[in-house]
Amino acid sequence: MPDIATTDELRRRIARASVGIAALARREPDNRWLTSIQRQLDYVDGEARAGRDRLDRAAELNFGLLASHYVDDVDPALAAELHAISAATRRLFGG
């Protein structure tokens, strides 16, 4: 996948990743870390949609780390996408 250069592309990639996270969450409904990943993706998406250039809660975002622990073994492609989204979030929002 190409780099994420714009917030519009970030939002598209978040939407696709959210589908994957939702599928994993259906298989593991008690996995609170998957729920946390989704909440964080929703937050970033909402801030991007609102046109923000900074994230007030940037320091709290750890979905890339959570992907390493809870997604990588079951869906390496999704984990890689979450890492790309995390890196783009830091780059696009100055975090």
C-alpha atoms as a PDB file:
ATOM      1  CA  MET A   1       0.000   0.000   0.000  1.00  0.00           C
ATOM      2  CA  PRO A   2       1.214   3.506  -0.764  1.00  0.00           C
ATOM      3  CA  ASP A   3       1.975   6.001   1.951  1.00  0.00           C
ATOM      4  CA  ILE A   4      -0.909   7.915   3.444  1.00  0.00           C
ATOM      5  CA  ALA A   5      -0.340  11.519   2.390  1.00  0.00           C
ATOM      6  CA  THR A   6      -3.677  13.215   3.102  1.00  0.00           C
ATOM      7  CA  THR A   7      -6.364  13.140   5.750  1.00  0.00           C
ATOM      8  CA  ASP A   8      -8.849  11.977   3.091  1.00  0.00           C
ATOM      9  CA  GLU A   9      -6.662   8.958   2.370  1.00  0.00           C
ATOM     10  CA  LEU A  10      -6.200   8.432   6.108  1.00  0.00           C
ATOM     11  CA  ARG A  11      -9.974   8.326   6.557  1.00  0.00           C
ATOM     12  CA  ARG A  12     -10.369   5.810   3.703  1.00  0.00           C
ATOM     13  CA  ARG A  13      -7.715   3.564   5.193  1.00  0.00           C
ATOM     14  CA  ILE A  14      -9.247   3.861   8.679  1.00  0.00           C
ATOM     15  CA  ALA A  15     -12.608   2.802   7.232  1.00  0.00           C
ATOM     16  CA  ARG A  16     -11.063  -0.307   5.662  1.00  0.00           C
ATOM     17  CA  ALA A  17      -9.101  -1.166   8.804  1.00  0.00           C
ATOM     18  CA  SER A  18     -12.238  -0.749  10.901  1.00  0.00           C
ATOM     19  CA  VAL A  19     -13.926  -3.490   8.887  1.00  0.00           C
ATOM     20  CA  GLY A  20     -11.061  -5.833   9.772  1.00  0.00           C
ATOM     21  CA  ILE A  21     -11.105  -4.868  13.436  1.00  0.00           C
ATOM     22  CA  ALA A  22     -14.876  -5.424  13.546  1.00  0.00           C
ATOM     23  CA  ALA A  23     -14.414  -8.910  12.083  1.00  0.00           C
ATOM     24  CA  LEU A  24     -11.798  -9.766  14.709  1.00  0.00           C
ATOM     25  CA  ALA A  25     -13.991  -8.331  17.469  1.00  0.00           C
ATOM     26  CA  ARG A  26     -16.867 -10.589  16.378  1.00  0.00           C
ATOM     27  CA  ARG A  27     -14.542 -13.585  16.764  1.00  0.00           C
ATOM     28  CA  GLU A  28     -13.247 -12.309  20.111  1.00  0.00           C
ATOM     29  CA  PRO A  29     -16.084 -10.264  21.648  1.00  0.00           C
ATOM     30  CA  ASP A  30     -14.406 -10.025  25.057  1.00  0.00           C
ATOM     31  CA  ASN A  31     -11.137  -8.643  23.702  1.00  0.00           C
ATOM     32  CA  ARG A  32     -11.099  -5.137  25.147  1.00  0.00           C
ATOM     33  CA  TRP A  33      -7.925  -4.273  23.246  1.00  0.00           C
ATOM     34  CA  LEU A  34      -9.700  -4.648  19.906  1.00  0.00           C
ATOM     35  CA  THR A  35     -12.407  -2.351  21.247  1.00  0.00           C
ATOM     36  CA  SER A  36      -9.717   0.145  22.233  1.00  0.00           C
ATOM     37  CA  ILE A  37      -8.181   0.028  18.753  1.00  0.00           C
ATOM     38  CA  GLN A  38     -11.574   0.748  17.218  1.00  0.00           C
ATOM     39  CA  ARG A  39     -12.282   3.632  19.607  1.00  0.00           C
ATOM     40  CA  GLN A  40      -8.919   5.176  18.769  1.00  0.00           C
ATOM     41  CA  LEU A  41      -9.510   4.791  15.029  1.00  0.00           C
ATOM     42  CA  ASP A  42     -12.927   6.412  15.444  1.00  0.00           C
ATOM     43  CA  TYR A  43     -11.325   9.312  17.315  1.00  0.00           C
ATOM     44  CA  VAL A  44      -8.687   9.910  14.620  1.00  0.00           C
ATOM     45  CA  ASP A  45     -11.319   9.638  11.896  1.00  0.00           C
ATOM     46  CA  GLY A  46     -13.571  12.135  13.657  1.00  0.00           C
ATOM     47  CA  GLU A  47     -10.774  14.629  14.142  1.00  0.00           C
ATOM     48  CA  ALA A  48      -9.725  14.282  10.501  1.00  0.00           C
ATOM     49  CA  ARG A  49     -13.336  14.744   9.390  1.00  0.00           C
ATOM     50  CA  ALA A  50     -13.564  17.892  11.532  1.00  0.00           C
ATOM     51  CA  GLY A  51     -10.479  19.320   9.816  1.00  0.00           C
ATOM     52  CA  ARG A  52      -8.292  19.387  12.911  1.00  0.00           C
ATOM     53  CA  ASP A  53      -4.561  19.856  12.433  1.00  0.00           C
ATOM     54  CA  ARG A  54      -3.649  18.656  15.951  1.00  0.00           C
ATOM     55  CA  LEU A  55      -5.013  15.898  18.144  1.00  0.00           C
ATOM     56  CA  ASP A  56      -5.711  16.798  21.750  1.00  0.00           C
ATOM     57  CA  ARG A  57      -5.385  13.158  22.763  1.00  0.00           C
ATOM     58  CA  ALA A  58      -2.394  12.259  20.567  1.00  0.00           C
ATOM     59  CA  ALA A  59      -0.358  11.074  23.562  1.00  0.00           C
ATOM     60  CA  GLU A  60      -3.066   8.519  24.389  1.00  0.00           C
ATOM     61  CA  LEU A  61      -3.022   6.843  20.965  1.00  0.00           C
ATOM     62  CA  ASN A  62      -1.408   3.424  21.094  1.00  0.00           C
ATOM     63  CA  PHE A  63      -3.321   1.431  18.485  1.00  0.00           C
ATOM     64  CA  GLY A  64      -0.110   0.686  16.568  1.00  0.00           C
ATOM     65  CA  LEU A  65       1.386  -0.911  19.667  1.00  0.00           C
ATOM     66  CA  LEU A  66      -1.846  -2.775  20.389  1.00  0.00           C
ATOM     67  CA  ALA A  67      -1.816  -4.064  16.805  1.00  0.00           C
ATOM     68  CA  SER A  68       1.608  -5.602  17.448  1.00  0.00           C
ATOM     69  CA  HIS A  69       0.292  -7.469  20.466  1.00  0.00           C
ATOM     70  CA  TYR A  70      -3.274  -8.380  19.518  1.00  0.00           C
ATOM     71  CA  VAL A  71      -3.574  -8.342  15.731  1.00  0.00           C
ATOM     72  CA  ASP A  72      -0.217  -9.299  14.219  1.00  0.00           C
ATOM     73  CA  ASP A  73      -0.492 -13.043  14.865  1.00  0.00           C
ATOM     74  CA  VAL A  74      -4.066 -13.382  13.573  1.00  0.00           C
ATOM     75  CA  ASP A  75      -4.030 -10.876  10.685  1.00  0.00           C
ATOM     76  CA  PRO A  76      -0.553  -9.605   9.747  1.00  0.00           C
ATOM     77  CA  ALA A  77      -1.880  -7.519   6.836  1.00  0.00           C
ATOM     78  CA  LEU A  78      -4.341  -5.708   9.098  1.00  0.00           C
ATOM     79  CA  ALA A  79      -1.616  -5.136  11.683  1.00  0.00           C
ATOM     80  CA  ALA A  80       0.636  -3.638   8.985  1.00  0.00           C
ATOM     81  CA  GLU A  81      -2.209  -1.364   7.911  1.00  0.00           C
ATOM     82  CA  LEU A  82      -2.746  -0.227  11.499  1.00  0.00           C
ATOM     83  CA  HIS A  83       0.963   0.571  11.762  1.00  0.00           C
ATOM     84  CA  ALA A  84       0.747   2.612   8.540  1.00  0.00           C
ATOM     85  CA  ILE A  85      -2.295   4.474   9.885  1.00  0.00           C
ATOM     86  CA  SER A  86      -0.507   5.129  13.165  1.00  0.00           C
ATOM     87  CA  ALA A  87       2.571   6.510  11.391  1.00  0.00           C
ATOM     88  CA  ALA A  88       0.417   8.674   9.115  1.00  0.00           C
ATOM     89  CA  THR A  89      -1.548   9.972  12.095  1.00  0.00           C
ATOM     90  CA  ARG A  90       1.668  11.129  13.753  1.00  0.00           C
ATOM     91  CA  ARG A  91       2.930  12.664  10.512  1.00  0.00           C
ATOM     92  CA  LEU A  92      -0.322  14.383   9.483  1.00  0.00           C
ATOM     93  CA  PHE A  93      -1.212  15.678  12.936  1.00  0.00           C
ATOM     94  CA  GLY A  94       2.289  16.518  14.116  1.00  0.00           C
ATOM     95  CA  GLY A  95       2.284  13.979  16.922  1.00  0.00           C
END
